[in-house]
């Protein structure tokens, strides 16, 4: 931080900077879990790799539990292919203060 500006990898970060994360679904018999990527800046080049990687992993590993495997797999693929789950830095910080583990679709 210098002169009141925060930079990450050479890019300025403000409370209004939009971040996104992607979802992977993993299932085995009767257990289905969802894991989230770390927050990435929207439009960041590596977000395409995360989007495709998390989608492919979900398609391979998400189906194998009933009943929630197929349901959560479809949801995760939809979220990833539509750009992930986005929110601002301000909302991520608010959720961290409140003890939430991930940001959901609501406006903070």
N, C-alpha and C. Protein backbone atom coordinates (compact mmCIF):
# COMPACT_ATOMS: atom_id res chain seq x y z
N UNK A 1 0.85 -1.18 0.00
CA UNK A 1 0.00 0.00 0.00
C UNK A 1 0.88 1.22 0.00
N UNK A 2 0.66 2.10 -0.95
CA UNK A 2 1.40 3.36 -0.99
C UNK A 2 0.46 4.47 -1.42
N UNK A 3 0.56 5.58 -0.76
CA UNK A 3 -0.29 6.74 -1.06
C UNK A 3 -1.77 6.39 -1.03
N UNK A 4 -2.18 5.51 -0.11
CA UNK A 4 -3.58 5.14 0.02
C UNK A 4 -4.11 4.22 -1.06
N UNK A 5 -3.22 3.70 -1.90
CA UNK A 5 -3.65 2.80 -2.98
C UNK A 5 -3.09 1.40 -2.74
N UNK A 6 -3.93 0.40 -2.88
CA UNK A 6 -3.50 -0.98 -2.74
C UNK A 6 -3.34 -1.56 -4.15
N UNK A 7 -2.23 -2.26 -4.37
CA UNK A 7 -1.99 -2.88 -5.67
C UNK A 7 -1.72 -4.37 -5.46
N UNK A 8 -2.23 -5.17 -6.38
CA UNK A 8 -1.97 -6.60 -6.38
C UNK A 8 -1.54 -6.98 -7.78
N UNK A 9 -0.36 -7.55 -7.89
CA UNK A 9 0.23 -7.90 -9.18
C UNK A 9 0.21 -6.73 -10.15
N UNK A 10 0.51 -5.54 -9.62
CA UNK A 10 0.60 -4.34 -10.43
C UNK A 10 -0.72 -3.68 -10.76
N UNK A 11 -1.84 -4.25 -10.33
CA UNK A 11 -3.16 -3.69 -10.63
C UNK A 11 -3.75 -3.05 -9.37
N UNK A 12 -4.35 -1.86 -9.51
CA UNK A 12 -4.97 -1.22 -8.34
C UNK A 12 -6.21 -2.00 -7.88
N UNK A 13 -6.36 -2.10 -6.56
CA UNK A 13 -7.51 -2.77 -5.96
C UNK A 13 -8.23 -1.76 -5.08
N UNK A 14 -9.52 -1.59 -5.30
CA UNK A 14 -10.34 -0.71 -4.47
C UNK A 14 -11.46 -1.54 -3.85
N UNK A 15 -12.24 -0.92 -2.99
CA UNK A 15 -13.39 -1.63 -2.41
C UNK A 15 -14.43 -1.99 -3.47
N UNK A 16 -14.42 -1.29 -4.60
CA UNK A 16 -15.38 -1.56 -5.66
C UNK A 16 -14.85 -2.49 -6.74
N UNK A 17 -13.62 -2.99 -6.59
CA UNK A 17 -13.06 -3.93 -7.56
C UNK A 17 -13.90 -5.21 -7.55
N UNK A 18 -14.30 -5.66 -8.74
CA UNK A 18 -15.13 -6.85 -8.84
C UNK A 18 -14.27 -8.11 -8.90
N UNK A 19 -14.62 -9.08 -8.07
CA UNK A 19 -13.92 -10.37 -8.01
C UNK A 19 -14.91 -11.47 -8.35
N UNK A 20 -14.40 -12.59 -8.80
CA UNK A 20 -15.25 -13.74 -9.10
C UNK A 20 -14.58 -15.01 -8.58
N UNK A 21 -15.38 -16.03 -8.32
CA UNK A 21 -14.82 -17.34 -8.00
C UNK A 21 -15.65 -18.41 -8.69
N UNK A 22 -15.04 -19.57 -8.87
CA UNK A 22 -15.66 -20.67 -9.58
C UNK A 22 -15.88 -21.84 -8.62
N UNK A 23 -16.74 -22.78 -9.04
CA UNK A 23 -17.18 -23.87 -8.17
C UNK A 23 -16.81 -25.21 -8.81
N UNK A 24 -16.34 -26.15 -7.97
CA UNK A 24 -16.17 -27.54 -8.41
C UNK A 24 -17.02 -28.41 -7.48
N UNK A 25 -17.66 -29.39 -8.07
CA UNK A 25 -18.51 -30.32 -7.33
C UNK A 25 -17.85 -31.70 -7.40
N UNK A 26 -17.71 -32.34 -6.24
CA UNK A 26 -17.10 -33.67 -6.16
C UNK A 26 -18.06 -34.58 -5.37
N UNK A 27 -18.34 -35.76 -5.93
CA UNK A 27 -19.29 -36.67 -5.30
C UNK A 27 -18.73 -38.09 -5.23
N UNK A 28 -19.20 -38.83 -4.22
CA UNK A 28 -18.88 -40.24 -4.08
C UNK A 28 -20.01 -40.92 -3.31
N UNK A 29 -20.74 -41.77 -3.98
CA UNK A 29 -21.85 -42.54 -3.44
C UNK A 29 -22.96 -41.67 -2.85
N UNK A 30 -22.87 -41.29 -1.59
CA UNK A 30 -23.93 -40.48 -0.97
C UNK A 30 -23.43 -39.12 -0.50
N UNK A 31 -22.19 -38.78 -0.76
CA UNK A 31 -21.60 -37.51 -0.29
C UNK A 31 -21.27 -36.63 -1.49
N UNK A 32 -21.72 -35.39 -1.44
CA UNK A 32 -21.40 -34.40 -2.47
C UNK A 32 -20.90 -33.15 -1.78
N UNK A 33 -19.73 -32.66 -2.22
CA UNK A 33 -19.21 -31.41 -1.67
C UNK A 33 -18.94 -30.43 -2.80
N UNK A 34 -19.01 -29.16 -2.46
CA UNK A 34 -18.68 -28.11 -3.40
C UNK A 34 -17.51 -27.32 -2.84
N UNK A 35 -16.53 -27.07 -3.69
CA UNK A 35 -15.36 -26.29 -3.31
C UNK A 35 -15.29 -25.07 -4.22
N UNK A 36 -14.73 -23.99 -3.70
CA UNK A 36 -14.67 -22.74 -4.45
C UNK A 36 -13.23 -22.36 -4.73
N UNK A 37 -12.99 -21.75 -5.89
CA UNK A 37 -11.66 -21.23 -6.19
C UNK A 37 -11.40 -20.00 -5.33
N UNK A 38 -10.17 -19.56 -5.34
CA UNK A 38 -9.88 -18.31 -4.66
C UNK A 38 -10.47 -17.18 -5.48
N UNK A 39 -10.74 -16.03 -4.88
CA UNK A 39 -11.28 -14.91 -5.66
C UNK A 39 -10.28 -14.43 -6.71
N UNK A 40 -10.77 -14.16 -7.90
CA UNK A 40 -9.96 -13.65 -9.00
C UNK A 40 -10.58 -12.34 -9.48
N UNK A 41 -9.74 -11.44 -9.98
CA UNK A 41 -10.27 -10.21 -10.58
C UNK A 41 -11.09 -10.58 -11.81
N UNK A 42 -12.24 -9.99 -11.98
CA UNK A 42 -13.06 -10.23 -13.16
C UNK A 42 -12.28 -9.83 -14.41
N UNK A 43 -12.33 -10.68 -15.41
CA UNK A 43 -11.62 -10.41 -16.65
C UNK A 43 -10.16 -10.81 -16.64
N UNK A 44 -9.66 -11.31 -15.54
CA UNK A 44 -8.27 -11.74 -15.44
C UNK A 44 -8.04 -12.93 -16.38
N UNK A 45 -6.91 -12.94 -17.06
CA UNK A 45 -6.63 -13.97 -18.06
C UNK A 45 -6.72 -15.38 -17.47
N UNK A 46 -6.20 -15.57 -16.27
CA UNK A 46 -6.22 -16.93 -15.70
C UNK A 46 -7.60 -17.38 -15.27
N UNK A 47 -8.58 -16.46 -15.22
CA UNK A 47 -9.93 -16.88 -14.83
C UNK A 47 -10.52 -17.84 -15.86
N UNK A 48 -10.10 -17.75 -17.12
CA UNK A 48 -10.58 -18.69 -18.14
C UNK A 48 -10.09 -20.10 -17.82
N UNK A 49 -8.82 -20.23 -17.39
CA UNK A 49 -8.30 -21.55 -17.01
C UNK A 49 -9.06 -22.11 -15.81
N UNK A 50 -9.34 -21.25 -14.82
CA UNK A 50 -10.10 -21.70 -13.66
C UNK A 50 -11.50 -22.13 -14.09
N UNK A 51 -12.15 -21.33 -14.92
CA UNK A 51 -13.51 -21.65 -15.37
C UNK A 51 -13.55 -23.00 -16.06
N UNK A 52 -12.64 -23.22 -17.01
CA UNK A 52 -12.62 -24.49 -17.74
C UNK A 52 -12.20 -25.65 -16.86
N UNK A 53 -11.17 -25.45 -16.05
CA UNK A 53 -10.69 -26.51 -15.17
C UNK A 53 -11.73 -26.95 -14.15
N UNK A 54 -12.37 -25.99 -13.49
CA UNK A 54 -13.38 -26.33 -12.49
C UNK A 54 -14.59 -26.97 -13.16
N UNK A 55 -14.95 -26.54 -14.37
CA UNK A 55 -16.07 -27.14 -15.08
C UNK A 55 -15.75 -28.58 -15.48
N UNK A 56 -14.57 -28.82 -16.02
CA UNK A 56 -14.19 -30.19 -16.41
C UNK A 56 -14.12 -31.12 -15.20
N UNK A 57 -13.52 -30.66 -14.11
CA UNK A 57 -13.48 -31.48 -12.89
C UNK A 57 -14.88 -31.81 -12.40
N UNK A 58 -15.76 -30.83 -12.44
CA UNK A 58 -17.14 -31.06 -12.01
C UNK A 58 -17.82 -32.09 -12.89
N UNK A 59 -17.63 -31.97 -14.21
CA UNK A 59 -18.26 -32.94 -15.12
C UNK A 59 -17.73 -34.35 -14.90
N UNK A 60 -16.46 -34.47 -14.52
CA UNK A 60 -15.88 -35.80 -14.27
C UNK A 60 -16.24 -36.35 -12.89
N UNK A 61 -16.24 -35.51 -11.87
CA UNK A 61 -16.34 -35.98 -10.49
C UNK A 61 -17.64 -35.66 -9.78
N UNK A 62 -18.51 -34.87 -10.37
CA UNK A 62 -19.67 -34.38 -9.65
C UNK A 62 -20.89 -35.27 -9.64
N UNK A 63 -21.02 -36.17 -10.59
CA UNK A 63 -22.26 -36.93 -10.79
C UNK A 63 -22.45 -38.10 -9.84
N UNK A 64 -21.43 -38.54 -9.14
CA UNK A 64 -21.39 -39.88 -8.57
C UNK A 64 -22.03 -40.05 -7.21
N UNK A 65 -23.02 -39.24 -6.88
CA UNK A 65 -23.77 -39.43 -5.63
C UNK A 65 -25.24 -39.09 -5.89
N UNK A 66 -26.12 -39.85 -5.31
CA UNK A 66 -27.55 -39.58 -5.45
C UNK A 66 -28.11 -39.12 -4.13
N UNK A 67 -29.00 -38.17 -4.13
CA UNK A 67 -29.58 -37.47 -5.26
C UNK A 67 -28.85 -36.18 -5.63
N UNK A 68 -27.97 -35.69 -4.75
CA UNK A 68 -27.44 -34.33 -4.90
C UNK A 68 -26.31 -34.21 -5.92
N UNK A 69 -25.64 -35.27 -6.27
CA UNK A 69 -24.54 -35.18 -7.24
C UNK A 69 -24.95 -34.56 -8.56
N UNK A 70 -25.95 -35.12 -9.24
CA UNK A 70 -26.37 -34.53 -10.52
C UNK A 70 -26.93 -33.10 -10.37
N UNK A 71 -27.68 -32.86 -9.30
CA UNK A 71 -28.28 -31.53 -9.09
C UNK A 71 -27.19 -30.48 -8.90
N UNK A 72 -26.24 -30.74 -8.01
CA UNK A 72 -25.17 -29.76 -7.75
C UNK A 72 -24.19 -29.66 -8.90
N UNK A 73 -24.02 -30.76 -9.65
CA UNK A 73 -23.15 -30.71 -10.84
C UNK A 73 -23.71 -29.74 -11.87
N UNK A 74 -24.99 -29.85 -12.14
CA UNK A 74 -25.63 -28.96 -13.11
C UNK A 74 -25.53 -27.51 -12.65
N UNK A 75 -25.77 -27.27 -11.37
CA UNK A 75 -25.68 -25.90 -10.84
C UNK A 75 -24.26 -25.36 -10.96
N UNK A 76 -23.26 -26.16 -10.59
CA UNK A 76 -21.86 -25.71 -10.66
C UNK A 76 -21.44 -25.42 -12.10
N UNK A 77 -21.81 -26.28 -13.03
CA UNK A 77 -21.47 -26.05 -14.44
C UNK A 77 -22.12 -24.77 -14.94
N UNK A 78 -23.39 -24.56 -14.59
CA UNK A 78 -24.09 -23.33 -14.99
C UNK A 78 -23.39 -22.10 -14.43
N UNK A 79 -23.05 -22.13 -13.14
CA UNK A 79 -22.36 -20.99 -12.52
C UNK A 79 -21.03 -20.72 -13.22
N UNK A 80 -20.24 -21.76 -13.45
CA UNK A 80 -18.92 -21.59 -14.07
C UNK A 80 -19.02 -21.07 -15.49
N UNK A 81 -19.95 -21.62 -16.28
CA UNK A 81 -20.05 -21.23 -17.68
C UNK A 81 -20.66 -19.84 -17.86
N UNK A 82 -21.32 -19.32 -16.84
CA UNK A 82 -21.86 -17.96 -16.92
C UNK A 82 -20.94 -16.94 -16.25
N UNK A 83 -19.70 -17.33 -15.97
CA UNK A 83 -18.73 -16.36 -15.46
C UNK A 83 -18.40 -16.46 -13.99
N UNK A 84 -18.92 -17.45 -13.30
CA UNK A 84 -18.62 -17.62 -11.89
C UNK A 84 -19.53 -16.76 -11.02
N UNK A 85 -19.22 -16.75 -9.73
CA UNK A 85 -19.98 -15.95 -8.77
C UNK A 85 -19.17 -14.69 -8.48
N UNK A 86 -19.76 -13.53 -8.75
CA UNK A 86 -19.04 -12.27 -8.64
C UNK A 86 -19.54 -11.43 -7.49
N UNK A 87 -18.62 -10.66 -6.95
CA UNK A 87 -18.95 -9.68 -5.92
C UNK A 87 -17.80 -8.70 -5.82
N UNK A 88 -17.97 -7.64 -5.06
CA UNK A 88 -16.91 -6.64 -4.90
C UNK A 88 -16.02 -6.99 -3.72
N UNK A 89 -14.86 -6.37 -3.67
CA UNK A 89 -13.95 -6.54 -2.53
C UNK A 89 -14.66 -6.18 -1.24
N UNK A 90 -15.46 -5.12 -1.27
CA UNK A 90 -16.19 -4.67 -0.09
C UNK A 90 -17.08 -5.80 0.45
N UNK A 91 -17.79 -6.50 -0.44
CA UNK A 91 -18.67 -7.59 0.00
C UNK A 91 -17.88 -8.78 0.54
N UNK A 92 -16.75 -9.11 -0.11
CA UNK A 92 -15.89 -10.18 0.40
C UNK A 92 -15.40 -9.85 1.81
N UNK A 93 -14.97 -8.61 2.01
CA UNK A 93 -14.49 -8.21 3.34
C UNK A 93 -15.62 -8.24 4.36
N UNK A 94 -16.81 -7.81 3.98
CA UNK A 94 -17.96 -7.86 4.88
C UNK A 94 -18.25 -9.30 5.28
N UNK A 95 -18.25 -10.21 4.32
CA UNK A 95 -18.52 -11.62 4.62
C UNK A 95 -17.44 -12.21 5.51
N UNK A 96 -16.18 -11.82 5.28
CA UNK A 96 -15.10 -12.32 6.16
C UNK A 96 -15.31 -11.82 7.58
N UNK A 97 -15.72 -10.58 7.72
CA UNK A 97 -15.98 -10.02 9.05
C UNK A 97 -17.11 -10.76 9.74
N UNK A 98 -18.13 -11.16 8.96
CA UNK A 98 -19.29 -11.86 9.50
C UNK A 98 -19.04 -13.35 9.70
N UNK A 99 -17.90 -13.86 9.21
CA UNK A 99 -17.56 -15.26 9.38
C UNK A 99 -18.09 -16.17 8.29
N UNK A 100 -18.58 -15.60 7.19
CA UNK A 100 -19.08 -16.43 6.08
C UNK A 100 -17.90 -17.03 5.34
N UNK A 101 -18.05 -18.28 4.88
CA UNK A 101 -16.95 -18.95 4.20
C UNK A 101 -16.88 -18.63 2.72
N UNK A 102 -18.01 -18.34 2.08
CA UNK A 102 -18.03 -17.96 0.66
C UNK A 102 -19.06 -16.88 0.46
N UNK A 103 -18.91 -16.16 -0.62
CA UNK A 103 -19.87 -15.13 -0.97
C UNK A 103 -20.98 -15.78 -1.78
N UNK A 104 -22.22 -15.47 -1.48
CA UNK A 104 -23.31 -16.03 -2.27
C UNK A 104 -23.83 -15.00 -3.26
N UNK A 105 -24.97 -15.27 -3.87
CA UNK A 105 -25.49 -14.44 -4.95
C UNK A 105 -26.15 -13.14 -4.49
N UNK A 106 -26.24 -12.87 -3.26
CA UNK A 106 -26.97 -11.70 -2.79
C UNK A 106 -26.09 -10.44 -2.86
N UNK A 107 -26.76 -9.31 -2.84
CA UNK A 107 -26.04 -8.03 -2.79
C UNK A 107 -25.77 -7.70 -1.33
N UNK A 108 -24.57 -7.23 -1.04
CA UNK A 108 -24.26 -6.93 0.37
C UNK A 108 -24.66 -5.53 0.74
